[in-house]
Every structure is written in structure tokens, then in C-alpha cells.
Amino acid sequence: MTVRNCSEWYAPENKLSEMVSALFPNIGQAYQINANPNAMKKNILKFPSQNDKLPFFKEIMKNGYHVFSRENAKVPDYYPSKFPDYPGVDLQHLNIGDVITIRVFFRIGTGEYVRADGGYLDLEVEHIEDDAVFGVILTQLPKKFPLQTGSSLEIYPDEILYKAQITTH
């Protein structure tokens, strides 16, 4: 099992985009809202001036994070860009102790530099109840993030991207 470490996430504003890219090389984009047009030009997409047009950003502003949903990704304009079609997992094929991967967007910065940056988190399944999965976060996260390594998180089937495959060497 690989534990991803993003403990170097926080950096001076002019280095933040580079740090995110280095920590999460396989993820999507970084987004910025109400930003000075001369600052942080490396962002791929800016949020519109009316944030309520992007429902997922409301959750990020409220909770500090948003768990990506494969169902919401099908809704036009729910997310600011398209994402890959993740295979998901049938809950009948999920067991206690399995490692699953989700995608989470975190609120980064304050004021005119508020952004949402996304990354993958690995969770170990600790409990399955009806249509919910409870998992312990395995990915190492910065101490200032609203989610932490070892915390339990309730996840729904449409939020699970895939189940880790165990290989022998």
C-alpha cells in the first residue's frame, strides 16, 4: 500500500501551484476565484464571479473540502471541467480492510487567493452500512487541512473511484 504524503502543501503563494503539481502529478486542475488577474497565472481555470454557479464550491467554502461524486460529474456545470470516467466499486465486492480511492477538493488560500485544489485520498474500509462506506484516511495530509490521516470519513458508492488492487512481487 502506498501512503501519499502532501505535508509540504503550504508554501508561499508564488510557489503554491508548483507544490500542488509536484505533490499530485496525476490529478486534474487547480481553480481560483476572485483573484487578481496578475497573480497566480498558472491556474488552468478561474471560477466565475458568481460562485453559486458551481455547487461543489459552496461545500468547499462551508466545510473546507468536497468529495468528488461520479453522479454529480454527469450534471452539466456541476464541476468547472470534465473528469475521467472512473470505474467505481460495487459495494457487494467491497470488504472490511479493502483500500479505496476517492478524489477530494480542498479549500486553499484566503481572500482574493481562494482556490480549490484536488487530489486523491486512499481510505481503508472500516465499516459498510446500507449504502454508506466508512473508511479511515490513509493519505498523509497537512495539519491545516479539515481532513486528517486516521480520521474516519463516510463515503457513498458514487464517490468511490476504485478499489486498490493487491499485487504480489
C-alpha atoms as a PDB file:
ATOM      1  CA  MET A   1       0.000   0.000   0.000  1.00  0.00           C
ATOM      2  CA  THR A   2       1.262   3.466  -0.873  1.00  0.00           C
ATOM      3  CA  VAL A   3       0.708   6.325   1.505  1.00  0.00           C
ATOM      4  CA  ARG A   4       0.721   9.641  -0.301  1.00  0.00           C
ATOM      5  CA  ASN A   5       2.396  12.460   1.592  1.00  0.00           C
ATOM      6  CA  CYS A   6       1.429  16.047   0.930  1.00  0.00           C
ATOM      7  CA  SER A   7       2.846  17.580   4.099  1.00  0.00           C
ATOM      8  CA  GLU A   8       4.633  20.243   2.050  1.00  0.00           C
ATOM      9  CA  TRP A   9       1.306  21.558   0.655  1.00  0.00           C
ATOM     10  CA  TYR A  10       1.505  25.019   2.223  1.00  0.00           C
ATOM     11  CA  ALA A  11       4.022  27.276   0.546  1.00  0.00           C
ATOM     12  CA  PRO A  12       4.415  30.933  -0.345  1.00  0.00           C
ATOM     13  CA  GLU A  13       1.680  31.974  -2.812  1.00  0.00           C
ATOM     14  CA  ASN A  14       4.059  32.210  -5.770  1.00  0.00           C
ATOM     15  CA  LYS A  15       5.120  28.571  -5.284  1.00  0.00           C
ATOM     16  CA  LEU A  16       1.712  27.045  -4.431  1.00  0.00           C
ATOM     17  CA  SER A  17       0.787  25.851  -7.932  1.00  0.00           C
ATOM     18  CA  GLU A  18       4.205  24.258  -8.364  1.00  0.00           C
ATOM     19  CA  MET A  19       3.884  22.499  -4.998  1.00  0.00           C
ATOM     20  CA  VAL A  20       0.427  21.145  -5.858  1.00  0.00           C
ATOM     21  CA  SER A  21       1.670  19.828  -9.197  1.00  0.00           C
ATOM     22  CA  ALA A  22       4.638  18.166  -7.538  1.00  0.00           C
ATOM     23  CA  LEU A  23       2.533  16.566  -4.816  1.00  0.00           C
ATOM     24  CA  PHE A  24      -0.330  15.409  -7.041  1.00  0.00           C
ATOM     25  CA  PRO A  25       1.164  14.828 -10.512  1.00  0.00           C
ATOM     26  CA  ASN A  26      -1.751  12.684 -11.702  1.00  0.00           C
ATOM     27  CA  ILE A  27      -4.658  14.916 -10.763  1.00  0.00           C
ATOM     28  CA  GLY A  28      -6.812  17.456 -12.501  1.00  0.00           C
ATOM     29  CA  GLN A  29      -6.698  21.181 -12.308  1.00  0.00           C
ATOM     30  CA  ALA A  30      -6.303  23.933  -9.758  1.00  0.00           C
ATOM     31  CA  TYR A  31      -9.027  26.557  -9.659  1.00  0.00           C
ATOM     32  CA  GLN A  32      -9.033  30.151  -8.481  1.00  0.00           C
ATOM     33  CA  ILE A  33     -11.809  32.552  -7.518  1.00  0.00           C
ATOM     34  CA  ASN A  34     -11.984  36.360  -7.493  1.00  0.00           C
ATOM     35  CA  ALA A  35      -8.258  36.553  -7.986  1.00  0.00           C
ATOM     36  CA  ASN A  36      -6.134  39.408  -9.095  1.00  0.00           C
ATOM     37  CA  PRO A  37      -5.528  38.705 -12.824  1.00  0.00           C
ATOM     38  CA  ASN A  38      -1.810  39.391 -12.379  1.00  0.00           C
ATOM     39  CA  ALA A  39      -1.432  36.859  -9.560  1.00  0.00           C
ATOM     40  CA  MET A  40      -1.095  33.088  -9.792  1.00  0.00           C
ATOM     41  CA  LYS A  41      -1.335  32.918 -13.602  1.00  0.00           C
ATOM     42  CA  LYS A  42      -0.601  29.184 -13.638  1.00  0.00           C
ATOM     43  CA  ASN A  43      -4.216  28.259 -12.850  1.00  0.00           C
ATOM     44  CA  ILE A  44      -5.963  26.363 -15.578  1.00  0.00           C
ATOM     45  CA  LEU A  45      -9.471  27.624 -14.853  1.00  0.00           C
ATOM     46  CA  LYS A  46     -10.864  30.535 -12.859  1.00  0.00           C
ATOM     47  CA  PHE A  47     -14.180  30.359 -11.063  1.00  0.00           C
ATOM     48  CA  PRO A  48     -16.928  32.612 -12.387  1.00  0.00           C
ATOM     49  CA  SER A  49     -17.590  35.745 -10.352  1.00  0.00           C
ATOM     50  CA  GLN A  50     -20.838  34.204  -9.064  1.00  0.00           C
ATOM     51  CA  ASN A  51     -19.704  31.154  -7.081  1.00  0.00           C
ATOM     52  CA  ASP A  52     -23.208  29.760  -6.713  1.00  0.00           C
ATOM     53  CA  LYS A  53     -22.997  28.611 -10.325  1.00  0.00           C
ATOM     54  CA  LEU A  54     -20.623  25.871  -9.149  1.00  0.00           C
ATOM     55  CA  PRO A  55     -22.438  23.857  -6.454  1.00  0.00           C
ATOM     56  CA  PHE A  56     -19.356  21.955  -5.338  1.00  0.00           C
ATOM     57  CA  PHE A  57     -17.602  25.203  -4.418  1.00  0.00           C
ATOM     58  CA  LYS A  58     -20.320  26.045  -1.871  1.00  0.00           C
ATOM     59  CA  GLU A  59     -19.428  22.868   0.006  1.00  0.00           C
ATOM     60  CA  ILE A  60     -15.731  23.698  -0.180  1.00  0.00           C
ATOM     61  CA  MET A  61     -16.374  27.152   1.270  1.00  0.00           C
ATOM     62  CA  LYS A  62     -18.571  25.691   4.037  1.00  0.00           C
ATOM     63  CA  ASN A  63     -16.578  22.563   5.008  1.00  0.00           C
ATOM     64  CA  GLY A  64     -13.138  23.264   3.591  1.00  0.00           C
ATOM     65  CA  TYR A  65     -13.395  20.250   1.268  1.00  0.00           C
ATOM     66  CA  HIS A  66     -15.671  18.448  -1.198  1.00  0.00           C
ATOM     67  CA  VAL A  67     -15.656  14.745  -2.102  1.00  0.00           C
ATOM     68  CA  PHE A  68     -15.943  14.239  -5.865  1.00  0.00           C
ATOM     69  CA  SER A  69     -19.104  12.426  -6.963  1.00  0.00           C
ATOM     70  CA  ARG A  70     -19.266  10.415 -10.190  1.00  0.00           C
ATOM     71  CA  GLU A  71     -23.028  11.120 -10.348  1.00  0.00           C
ATOM     72  CA  ASN A  72     -22.594  14.869  -9.908  1.00  0.00           C
ATOM     73  CA  ALA A  73     -19.930  14.813 -12.628  1.00  0.00           C
ATOM     74  CA  LYS A  74     -22.729  13.857 -15.060  1.00  0.00           C
ATOM     75  CA  VAL A  75     -24.703  17.005 -14.182  1.00  0.00           C
ATOM     76  CA  PRO A  76     -23.872  19.884 -16.562  1.00  0.00           C
ATOM     77  CA  ASP A  77     -21.972  22.727 -14.873  1.00  0.00           C
ATOM     78  CA  TYR A  78     -21.765  20.973 -11.503  1.00  0.00           C
ATOM     79  CA  TYR A  79     -17.964  20.921 -11.771  1.00  0.00           C
ATOM     80  CA  PRO A  80     -15.961  23.503 -13.728  1.00  0.00           C
ATOM     81  CA  SER A  81     -14.395  20.903 -16.031  1.00  0.00           C
ATOM     82  CA  LYS A  82     -14.723  17.305 -17.185  1.00  0.00           C
ATOM     83  CA  PHE A  83     -13.171  14.405 -15.322  1.00  0.00           C
ATOM     84  CA  PRO A  84     -12.268  10.858 -16.385  1.00  0.00           C
ATOM     85  CA  ASP A  85     -14.856   8.106 -16.160  1.00  0.00           C
ATOM     86  CA  TYR A  86     -13.767   6.272 -13.029  1.00  0.00           C
ATOM     87  CA  PRO A  87     -14.833   2.610 -12.749  1.00  0.00           C
ATOM     88  CA  GLY A  88     -16.328   2.851  -9.270  1.00  0.00           C
ATOM     89  CA  VAL A  89     -16.930  -0.134  -6.998  1.00  0.00           C
ATOM     90  CA  ASP A  90     -19.952  -2.342  -6.417  1.00  0.00           C
ATOM     91  CA  LEU A  91     -20.478  -2.427  -2.637  1.00  0.00           C
ATOM     92  CA  GLN A  92     -21.099  -6.187  -2.841  1.00  0.00           C
ATOM     93  CA  HIS A  93     -17.429  -6.570  -3.849  1.00  0.00           C
ATOM     94  CA  LEU A  94     -16.125  -4.419  -1.023  1.00  0.00           C
ATOM     95  CA  ASN A  95     -14.849  -5.863   2.270  1.00  0.00           C
ATOM     96  CA  ILE A  96     -13.596  -4.533   5.586  1.00  0.00           C
ATOM     97  CA  GLY A  97      -9.867  -3.800   5.191  1.00  0.00           C
ATOM     98  CA  ASP A  98     -10.035  -3.046   1.450  1.00  0.00           C
ATOM     99  CA  VAL A  99      -8.366   0.153   0.309  1.00  0.00           C
ATOM    100  CA  ILE A 100     -10.471   2.501  -1.806  1.00  0.00           C
ATOM    101  CA  THR A 101      -9.593   5.768  -3.524  1.00  0.00           C
ATOM    102  CA  ILE A 102     -11.652   8.938  -3.617  1.00  0.00           C
ATOM    103  CA  ARG A 103     -10.983  12.382  -5.055  1.00  0.00           C
ATOM    104  CA  VAL A 104     -11.243  15.384  -2.742  1.00  0.00           C
ATOM    105  CA  PHE A 105     -11.057  19.104  -3.421  1.00  0.00           C
ATOM    106  CA  PHE A 106      -9.683  21.267  -0.617  1.00  0.00           C
ATOM    107  CA  ARG A 107     -10.011  24.973   0.006  1.00  0.00           C
ATOM    108  CA  ILE A 108      -6.617  26.599  -0.341  1.00  0.00           C
ATOM    109  CA  GLY A 109      -5.782  30.192   0.498  1.00  0.00           C
ATOM    110  CA  THR A 110      -7.860  33.106   1.722  1.00  0.00           C
ATOM    111  CA  GLY A 111      -9.320  36.347   0.434  1.00  0.00           C
ATOM    112  CA  GLU A 112      -8.625  37.015  -3.221  1.00  0.00           C
ATOM    113  CA  TYR A 113      -6.414  33.909  -3.397  1.00  0.00           C
ATOM    114  CA  VAL A 114      -9.066  31.310  -2.510  1.00  0.00           C
ATOM    115  CA  ARG A 115      -8.682  28.248  -4.712  1.00  0.00           C
ATOM    116  CA  ALA A 116      -9.828  24.670  -4.797  1.00  0.00           C
ATOM    117  CA  ASP A 117      -7.134  22.083  -5.426  1.00  0.00           C
ATOM    118  CA  GLY A 118      -7.908  18.413  -5.792  1.00  0.00           C
ATOM    119  CA  GLY A 119      -6.138  15.196  -5.010  1.00  0.00           C
ATOM    120  CA  TYR A 120      -6.710  11.504  -4.460  1.00  0.00           C
ATOM    121  CA  LEU A 121      -7.137  10.064  -0.970  1.00  0.00           C
ATOM    122  CA  ASP A 122      -6.795   6.415  -0.019  1.00  0.00           C
ATOM    123  CA  LEU A 123      -9.091   5.053   2.684  1.00  0.00           C
ATOM    124  CA  GLU A 124      -9.182   1.689   4.418  1.00  0.00           C
ATOM    125  CA  VAL A 125     -12.735   0.385   4.694  1.00  0.00           C
ATOM    126  CA  GLU A 126     -13.673   0.016   8.360  1.00  0.00           C
ATOM    127  CA  HIS A 127     -17.455  -0.422   8.123  1.00  0.00           C
ATOM    128  CA  ILE A 128     -20.149  -0.850   5.471  1.00  0.00           C
ATOM    129  CA  GLU A 129     -23.727   0.064   6.345  1.00  0.00           C
ATOM    130  CA  ASP A 130     -26.584   0.080   3.824  1.00  0.00           C
ATOM    131  CA  ASP A 131     -25.409   2.428   1.068  1.00  0.00           C
ATOM    132  CA  ALA A 132     -22.569   4.042   3.022  1.00  0.00           C
ATOM    133  CA  VAL A 133     -18.939   3.082   3.491  1.00  0.00           C
ATOM    134  CA  PHE A 134     -16.901   4.328   6.432  1.00  0.00           C
ATOM    135  CA  GLY A 135     -13.174   4.493   5.835  1.00  0.00           C
ATOM    136  CA  VAL A 136     -10.072   5.611   7.682  1.00  0.00           C
ATOM    137  CA  ILE A 137      -7.964   8.096   5.741  1.00  0.00           C
ATOM    138  CA  LEU A 138      -4.549   6.601   4.943  1.00  0.00           C
ATOM    139  CA  THR A 139      -3.171   9.505   2.921  1.00  0.00           C
ATOM    140  CA  GLN A 140      -0.950  11.866   4.874  1.00  0.00           C
ATOM    141  CA  LEU A 141      -2.372  15.372   4.778  1.00  0.00           C
ATOM    142  CA  PRO A 142      -1.119  18.733   6.042  1.00  0.00           C
ATOM    143  CA  LYS A 143      -2.106  19.525   9.610  1.00  0.00           C
ATOM    144  CA  LYS A 144      -4.101  22.579   8.498  1.00  0.00           C
ATOM    145  CA  PHE A 145      -6.462  20.572   6.278  1.00  0.00           C
ATOM    146  CA  PRO A 146     -10.004  19.856   7.537  1.00  0.00           C
ATOM    147  CA  LEU A 147      -9.464  16.106   6.958  1.00  0.00           C
ATOM    148  CA  GLN A 148      -6.582  14.254   8.605  1.00  0.00           C
ATOM    149  CA  THR A 149      -4.776  10.946   8.332  1.00  0.00           C
ATOM    150  CA  GLY A 150      -6.522   8.471  10.645  1.00  0.00           C
ATOM    151  CA  SER A 151      -9.870  10.291  10.550  1.00  0.00           C
ATOM    152  CA  SER A 152     -12.977   8.329   9.591  1.00  0.00           C
ATOM    153  CA  LEU A 153     -14.980   9.542   6.604  1.00  0.00           C
ATOM    154  CA  GLU A 154     -18.423   8.461   5.404  1.00  0.00           C
ATOM    155  CA  ILE A 155     -18.422   7.800   1.660  1.00  0.00           C
ATOM    156  CA  TYR A 156     -21.207   6.845  -0.731  1.00  0.00           C
ATOM    157  CA  PRO A 157     -20.830   4.441  -3.675  1.00  0.00           C
ATOM    158  CA  ASP A 158     -20.776   7.193  -6.323  1.00  0.00           C
ATOM    159  CA  GLU A 159     -17.816   8.826  -4.515  1.00  0.00           C
ATOM    160  CA  ILE A 160     -15.587   5.733  -4.696  1.00  0.00           C
ATOM    161  CA  LEU A 161     -13.347   5.915  -7.743  1.00  0.00           C
ATOM    162  CA  TYR A 162     -11.798   2.481  -7.491  1.00  0.00           C
ATOM    163  CA  LYS A 163     -10.597  -0.254  -5.162  1.00  0.00           C
ATOM    164  CA  ALA A 164      -6.858  -0.776  -4.810  1.00  0.00           C
ATOM    165  CA  GLN A 165      -5.580  -3.933  -6.446  1.00  0.00           C
ATOM    166  CA  ILE A 166      -3.273  -6.081  -4.350  1.00  0.00           C
ATOM    167  CA  THR A 167      -0.279  -7.442  -6.221  1.00  0.00           C
ATOM    168  CA  THR A 168       2.420  -9.869  -5.209  1.00  0.00           C
ATOM    169  CA  HIS A 169       6.052  -9.340  -6.133  1.00  0.00           C
END
